[in-house]
Amino acid sequence: MTGHHRIGTGLTALALSAAVPAAALAHTDVEKTYPSNGATVSTSIKRVSVSFAEAPTTGTLSVRTGGGTAVPVSVRRKGAKITGTLKRRLAPGSYRVSWRALADDGHRLSGIFAFKVR
Protein backbone atom coordinates (compact mmCIF):
# COMPACT_ATOMS: atom_id res chain seq x y z
CA MET A 1 0.00 0.00 0.00
CA THR A 2 1.46 3.38 -0.94
CA GLY A 3 1.63 6.34 1.42
CA HIS A 4 -0.90 8.22 -0.69
CA HIS A 5 -3.33 5.29 -0.53
CA ARG A 6 -3.06 5.11 3.29
CA ILE A 7 -3.68 8.85 3.59
CA GLY A 8 -6.70 8.59 1.27
CA THR A 9 -8.12 5.70 3.30
CA GLY A 10 -7.63 7.65 6.54
CA LEU A 11 -9.32 10.73 5.12
CA THR A 12 -12.25 8.62 3.90
CA ALA A 13 -12.69 7.10 7.38
CA LEU A 14 -12.51 10.57 8.95
CA ALA A 15 -15.13 11.92 6.53
CA LEU A 16 -17.47 8.98 7.23
CA SER A 17 -17.15 9.39 11.01
CA ALA A 18 -17.94 13.09 10.69
CA ALA A 19 -21.11 12.19 8.78
CA VAL A 20 -22.56 10.26 11.76
CA PRO A 21 -25.17 12.51 13.41
CA ALA A 22 -24.18 13.81 16.83
CA ALA A 23 -27.48 12.49 18.23
CA ALA A 24 -26.38 8.95 17.45
CA LEU A 25 -23.33 9.44 19.67
CA ALA A 26 -25.09 11.23 22.51
CA HIS A 27 -26.34 9.62 25.71
CA THR A 28 -29.93 9.90 26.84
CA ASP A 29 -30.28 12.81 29.28
CA VAL A 30 -32.91 13.36 31.96
CA GLU A 31 -35.20 16.19 30.95
CA LYS A 32 -37.29 16.35 34.13
CA THR A 33 -38.59 14.49 37.13
CA TYR A 34 -41.98 14.59 38.78
CA PRO A 35 -42.02 15.92 41.35
CA SER A 36 -38.94 18.02 40.67
CA ASN A 37 -35.94 17.46 42.93
CA GLY A 38 -36.43 19.27 46.25
CA ALA A 39 -40.11 20.05 45.63
CA THR A 40 -42.72 20.11 48.36
CA VAL A 41 -46.15 18.91 47.28
CA SER A 42 -49.19 19.96 49.27
CA THR A 43 -51.10 16.67 48.87
CA SER A 44 -50.16 13.06 48.43
CA ILE A 45 -49.33 12.33 44.80
CA LYS A 46 -50.26 9.19 42.89
CA ARG A 47 -47.23 8.93 40.60
CA VAL A 48 -43.54 9.76 40.31
CA SER A 49 -41.69 9.87 37.00
CA VAL A 50 -38.43 10.47 35.15
CA SER A 51 -38.58 11.85 31.60
CA PHE A 52 -35.64 11.47 29.21
CA ALA A 53 -34.60 13.24 26.02
CA GLU A 54 -34.72 9.87 24.23
CA ALA A 55 -36.50 6.64 25.14
CA PRO A 56 -34.32 4.32 27.22
CA THR A 57 -34.16 0.62 26.39
CA THR A 58 -35.01 -0.37 29.96
CA GLY A 59 -35.79 1.47 33.15
CA THR A 60 -36.95 1.09 36.71
CA LEU A 61 -37.43 3.15 39.84
CA SER A 62 -38.09 2.74 43.54
CA VAL A 63 -39.47 5.04 46.23
CA ARG A 64 -38.37 5.15 49.88
CA THR A 65 -39.39 7.24 52.86
CA GLY A 66 -36.86 9.54 54.51
CA GLY A 67 -36.28 6.73 57.02
CA GLY A 68 -35.51 4.22 54.25
CA THR A 69 -38.76 2.23 54.21
CA ALA A 70 -39.73 1.04 50.72
CA VAL A 71 -43.00 2.42 49.34
CA PRO A 72 -44.94 -0.08 47.16
CA VAL A 73 -44.89 1.08 43.55
CA SER A 74 -45.66 -0.43 40.15
CA VAL A 75 -43.30 0.71 37.41
CA ARG A 76 -44.05 1.26 33.74
CA ARG A 77 -41.76 2.47 30.97
CA LYS A 78 -43.48 4.07 28.00
CA GLY A 79 -41.57 5.99 25.38
CA ALA A 80 -39.12 8.38 27.00
CA LYS A 81 -40.72 8.18 30.46
CA ILE A 82 -40.47 5.84 33.44
CA THR A 83 -43.47 6.16 35.75
CA GLY A 84 -44.01 4.68 39.18
CA THR A 85 -47.63 4.45 40.32
CA LEU A 86 -47.80 4.51 44.10
CA LYS A 87 -49.88 1.74 45.62
CA ARG A 88 -50.74 3.74 48.72
CA ARG A 89 -51.27 7.31 49.81
CA LEU A 90 -48.08 9.03 50.96
CA ALA A 91 -48.07 10.39 54.49
CA PRO A 92 -46.52 13.79 55.14
CA GLY A 93 -42.73 13.54 55.16
CA SER A 94 -39.64 13.16 52.98
CA TYR A 95 -39.29 10.70 50.10
CA ARG A 96 -36.46 9.63 47.80
CA VAL A 97 -36.84 8.19 44.30
CA SER A 98 -33.95 6.12 42.90
CA TRP A 99 -34.01 5.33 39.20
CA ARG A 100 -31.94 3.35 36.68
CA ALA A 101 -32.13 3.16 32.91
CA LEU A 102 -30.20 1.79 29.96
CA ALA A 103 -29.78 3.98 26.88
CA ASP A 104 -29.88 2.58 23.33
CA ASP A 105 -26.11 3.01 23.10
CA GLY A 106 -25.61 0.76 26.16
CA HIS A 107 -24.82 3.64 28.53
CA ARG A 108 -26.13 2.96 32.05
CA LEU A 109 -27.89 5.88 33.71
CA SER A 110 -28.97 6.28 37.32
CA GLY A 111 -29.99 8.99 39.71
CA ILE A 112 -31.90 10.03 42.78
CA PHE A 113 -34.35 12.83 43.40
CA ALA A 114 -36.11 13.79 46.60
CA PHE A 115 -39.35 15.53 47.50
CA LYS A 116 -41.55 16.21 50.51
CA VAL A 117 -45.26 15.76 51.10
CA ARG A 118 -46.75 18.49 53.27
C-alpha atoms as a PDB file:
ATOM      1  CA  MET A   1       0.000   0.000   0.000  1.00  0.00           C
ATOM      2  CA  THR A   2       1.463   3.378  -0.943  1.00  0.00           C
ATOM      3  CA  GLY A   3       1.632   6.340   1.415  1.00  0.00           C
ATOM      4  CA  HIS A   4      -0.897   8.220  -0.692  1.00  0.00           C
ATOM      5  CA  HIS A   5      -3.334   5.286  -0.532  1.00  0.00           C
ATOM      6  CA  ARG A   6      -3.062   5.111   3.290  1.00  0.00           C
ATOM      7  CA  ILE A   7      -3.679   8.847   3.589  1.00  0.00           C
ATOM      8  CA  GLY A   8      -6.696   8.594   1.273  1.00  0.00           C
ATOM      9  CA  THR A   9      -8.124   5.697   3.301  1.00  0.00           C
ATOM     10  CA  GLY A  10      -7.627   7.646   6.535  1.00  0.00           C
ATOM     11  CA  LEU A  11      -9.318  10.726   5.120  1.00  0.00           C
ATOM     12  CA  THR A  12     -12.251   8.623   3.902  1.00  0.00           C
ATOM     13  CA  ALA A  13     -12.689   7.103   7.383  1.00  0.00           C
ATOM     14  CA  LEU A  14     -12.509  10.566   8.946  1.00  0.00           C
ATOM     15  CA  ALA A  15     -15.133  11.918   6.526  1.00  0.00           C
ATOM     16  CA  LEU A  16     -17.467   8.985   7.233  1.00  0.00           C
ATOM     17  CA  SER A  17     -17.148   9.394  11.007  1.00  0.00           C
ATOM     18  CA  ALA A  18     -17.941  13.091  10.687  1.00  0.00           C
ATOM     19  CA  ALA A  19     -21.107  12.189   8.779  1.00  0.00           C
ATOM     20  CA  VAL A  20     -22.560  10.263  11.764  1.00  0.00           C
ATOM     21  CA  PRO A  21     -25.168  12.507  13.406  1.00  0.00           C
ATOM     22  CA  ALA A  22     -24.183  13.810  16.828  1.00  0.00           C
ATOM     23  CA  ALA A  23     -27.476  12.495  18.234  1.00  0.00           C
ATOM     24  CA  ALA A  24     -26.375   8.951  17.450  1.00  0.00           C
ATOM     25  CA  LEU A  25     -23.328   9.435  19.666  1.00  0.00           C
ATOM     26  CA  ALA A  26     -25.094  11.228  22.512  1.00  0.00           C
ATOM     27  CA  HIS A  27     -26.339   9.622  25.715  1.00  0.00           C
ATOM     28  CA  THR A  28     -29.934   9.902  26.843  1.00  0.00           C
ATOM     29  CA  ASP A  29     -30.276  12.813  29.283  1.00  0.00           C
ATOM     30  CA  VAL A  30     -32.907  13.355  31.961  1.00  0.00           C
ATOM     31  CA  GLU A  31     -35.204  16.192  30.949  1.00  0.00           C
ATOM     32  CA  LYS A  32     -37.288  16.352  34.127  1.00  0.00           C
ATOM     33  CA  THR A  33     -38.595  14.489  37.127  1.00  0.00           C
ATOM     34  CA  TYR A  34     -41.976  14.595  38.783  1.00  0.00           C
ATOM     35  CA  PRO A  35     -42.017  15.921  41.353  1.00  0.00           C
ATOM     36  CA  SER A  36     -38.942  18.023  40.673  1.00  0.00           C
ATOM     37  CA  ASN A  37     -35.942  17.464  42.935  1.00  0.00           C
ATOM     38  CA  GLY A  38     -36.428  19.272  46.250  1.00  0.00           C
ATOM     39  CA  ALA A  39     -40.107  20.048  45.630  1.00  0.00           C
ATOM     40  CA  THR A  40     -42.723  20.108  48.355  1.00  0.00           C
ATOM     41  CA  VAL A  41     -46.149  18.912  47.277  1.00  0.00           C
ATOM     42  CA  SER A  42     -49.195  19.956  49.269  1.00  0.00           C
ATOM     43  CA  THR A  43     -51.095  16.673  48.871  1.00  0.00           C
ATOM     44  CA  SER A  44     -50.164  13.057  48.433  1.00  0.00           C
ATOM     45  CA  ILE A  45     -49.327  12.332  44.804  1.00  0.00           C
ATOM     46  CA  LYS A  46     -50.264   9.190  42.889  1.00  0.00           C
ATOM     47  CA  ARG A  47     -47.229   8.932  40.605  1.00  0.00           C
ATOM     48  CA  VAL A  48     -43.541   9.761  40.313  1.00  0.00           C
ATOM     49  CA  SER A  49     -41.691   9.874  37.003  1.00  0.00           C
ATOM     50  CA  VAL A  50     -38.434  10.469  35.151  1.00  0.00           C
ATOM     51  CA  SER A  51     -38.578  11.851  31.598  1.00  0.00           C
ATOM     52  CA  PHE A  52     -35.643  11.466  29.213  1.00  0.00           C
ATOM     53  CA  ALA A  53     -34.603  13.245  26.020  1.00  0.00           C
ATOM     54  CA  GLU A  54     -34.716   9.869  24.233  1.00  0.00           C
ATOM     55  CA  ALA A  55     -36.503   6.645  25.141  1.00  0.00           C
ATOM     56  CA  PRO A  56     -34.321   4.321  27.222  1.00  0.00           C
ATOM     57  CA  THR A  57     -34.156   0.618  26.388  1.00  0.00           C
ATOM     58  CA  THR A  58     -35.006  -0.371  29.956  1.00  0.00           C
ATOM     59  CA  GLY A  59     -35.790   1.474  33.154  1.00  0.00           C
ATOM     60  CA  THR A  60     -36.947   1.088  36.715  1.00  0.00           C
ATOM     61  CA  LEU A  61     -37.426   3.152  39.835  1.00  0.00           C
ATOM     62  CA  SER A  62     -38.090   2.740  43.536  1.00  0.00           C
ATOM     63  CA  VAL A  63     -39.470   5.036  46.234  1.00  0.00           C
ATOM     64  CA  ARG A  64     -38.374   5.155  49.876  1.00  0.00           C
ATOM     65  CA  THR A  65     -39.385   7.240  52.860  1.00  0.00           C
ATOM     66  CA  GLY A  66     -36.858   9.538  54.505  1.00  0.00           C
ATOM     67  CA  GLY A  67     -36.277   6.728  57.021  1.00  0.00           C
ATOM     68  CA  GLY A  68     -35.508   4.222  54.250  1.00  0.00           C
ATOM     69  CA  THR A  69     -38.765   2.226  54.206  1.00  0.00           C
ATOM     70  CA  ALA A  70     -39.729   1.043  50.721  1.00  0.00           C
ATOM     71  CA  VAL A  71     -42.995   2.416  49.335  1.00  0.00           C
ATOM     72  CA  PRO A  72     -44.942  -0.076  47.163  1.00  0.00           C
ATOM     73  CA  VAL A  73     -44.894   1.084  43.550  1.00  0.00           C
ATOM     74  CA  SER A  74     -45.663  -0.433  40.149  1.00  0.00           C
ATOM     75  CA  VAL A  75     -43.300   0.708  37.415  1.00  0.00           C
ATOM     76  CA  ARG A  76     -44.048   1.263  33.737  1.00  0.00           C
ATOM     77  CA  ARG A  77     -41.761   2.469  30.969  1.00  0.00           C
ATOM     78  CA  LYS A  78     -43.481   4.069  28.005  1.00  0.00           C
ATOM     79  CA  GLY A  79     -41.573   5.991  25.378  1.00  0.00           C
ATOM     80  CA  ALA A  80     -39.124   8.383  26.996  1.00  0.00           C
ATOM     81  CA  LYS A  81     -40.724   8.183  30.461  1.00  0.00           C
ATOM     82  CA  ILE A  82     -40.471   5.837  33.436  1.00  0.00           C
ATOM     83  CA  THR A  83     -43.473   6.163  35.751  1.00  0.00           C
ATOM     84  CA  GLY A  84     -44.010   4.679  39.184  1.00  0.00           C
ATOM     85  CA  THR A  85     -47.628   4.455  40.315  1.00  0.00           C
ATOM     86  CA  LEU A  86     -47.797   4.511  44.098  1.00  0.00           C
ATOM     87  CA  LYS A  87     -49.878   1.738  45.616  1.00  0.00           C
ATOM     88  CA  ARG A  88     -50.741   3.742  48.723  1.00  0.00           C
ATOM     89  CA  ARG A  89     -51.266   7.311  49.807  1.00  0.00           C
ATOM     90  CA  LEU A  90     -48.084   9.030  50.962  1.00  0.00           C
ATOM     91  CA  ALA A  91     -48.070  10.387  54.495  1.00  0.00           C
ATOM     92  CA  PRO A  92     -46.517  13.795  55.143  1.00  0.00           C
ATOM     93  CA  GLY A  93     -42.726  13.542  55.159  1.00  0.00           C
ATOM     94  CA  SER A  94     -39.637  13.163  52.984  1.00  0.00           C
ATOM     95  CA  TYR A  95     -39.294  10.704  50.095  1.00  0.00           C
ATOM     96  CA  ARG A  96     -36.457   9.634  47.805  1.00  0.00           C
ATOM     97  CA  VAL A  97     -36.838   8.188  44.300  1.00  0.00           C
ATOM     98  CA  SER A  98     -33.950   6.121  42.900  1.00  0.00           C
ATOM     99  CA  TRP A  99     -34.011   5.325  39.200  1.00  0.00           C
ATOM    100  CA  ARG A 100     -31.944   3.350  36.680  1.00  0.00           C
ATOM    101  CA  ALA A 101     -32.131   3.159  32.911  1.00  0.00           C
ATOM    102  CA  LEU A 102     -30.204   1.793  29.957  1.00  0.00           C
ATOM    103  CA  ALA A 103     -29.783   3.977  26.877  1.00  0.00           C
ATOM    104  CA  ASP A 104     -29.882   2.582  23.326  1.00  0.00           C
ATOM    105  CA  ASP A 105     -26.112   3.010  23.099  1.00  0.00           C
ATOM    106  CA  GLY A 106     -25.608   0.763  26.156  1.00  0.00           C
ATOM    107  CA  HIS A 107     -24.818   3.636  28.527  1.00  0.00           C
ATOM    108  CA  ARG A 108     -26.128   2.963  32.051  1.00  0.00           C
ATOM    109  CA  LEU A 109     -27.892   5.876  33.715  1.00  0.00           C
ATOM    110  CA  SER A 110     -28.975   6.282  37.323  1.00  0.00           C
ATOM    111  CA  GLY A 111     -29.990   8.993  39.707  1.00  0.00           C
ATOM    112  CA  ILE A 112     -31.901  10.033  42.781  1.00  0.00           C
ATOM    113  CA  PHE A 113     -34.348  12.835  43.399  1.00  0.00           C
ATOM    114  CA  ALA A 114     -36.107  13.794  46.604  1.00  0.00           C
ATOM    115  CA  PHE A 115     -39.345  15.528  47.499  1.00  0.00           C
ATOM    116  CA  LYS A 116     -41.552  16.213  50.508  1.00  0.00           C
ATOM    117  CA  VAL A 117     -45.261  15.764  51.102  1.00  0.00           C
ATOM    118  CA  ARG A 118     -46.752  18.489  53.272  1.00  0.00           C
END
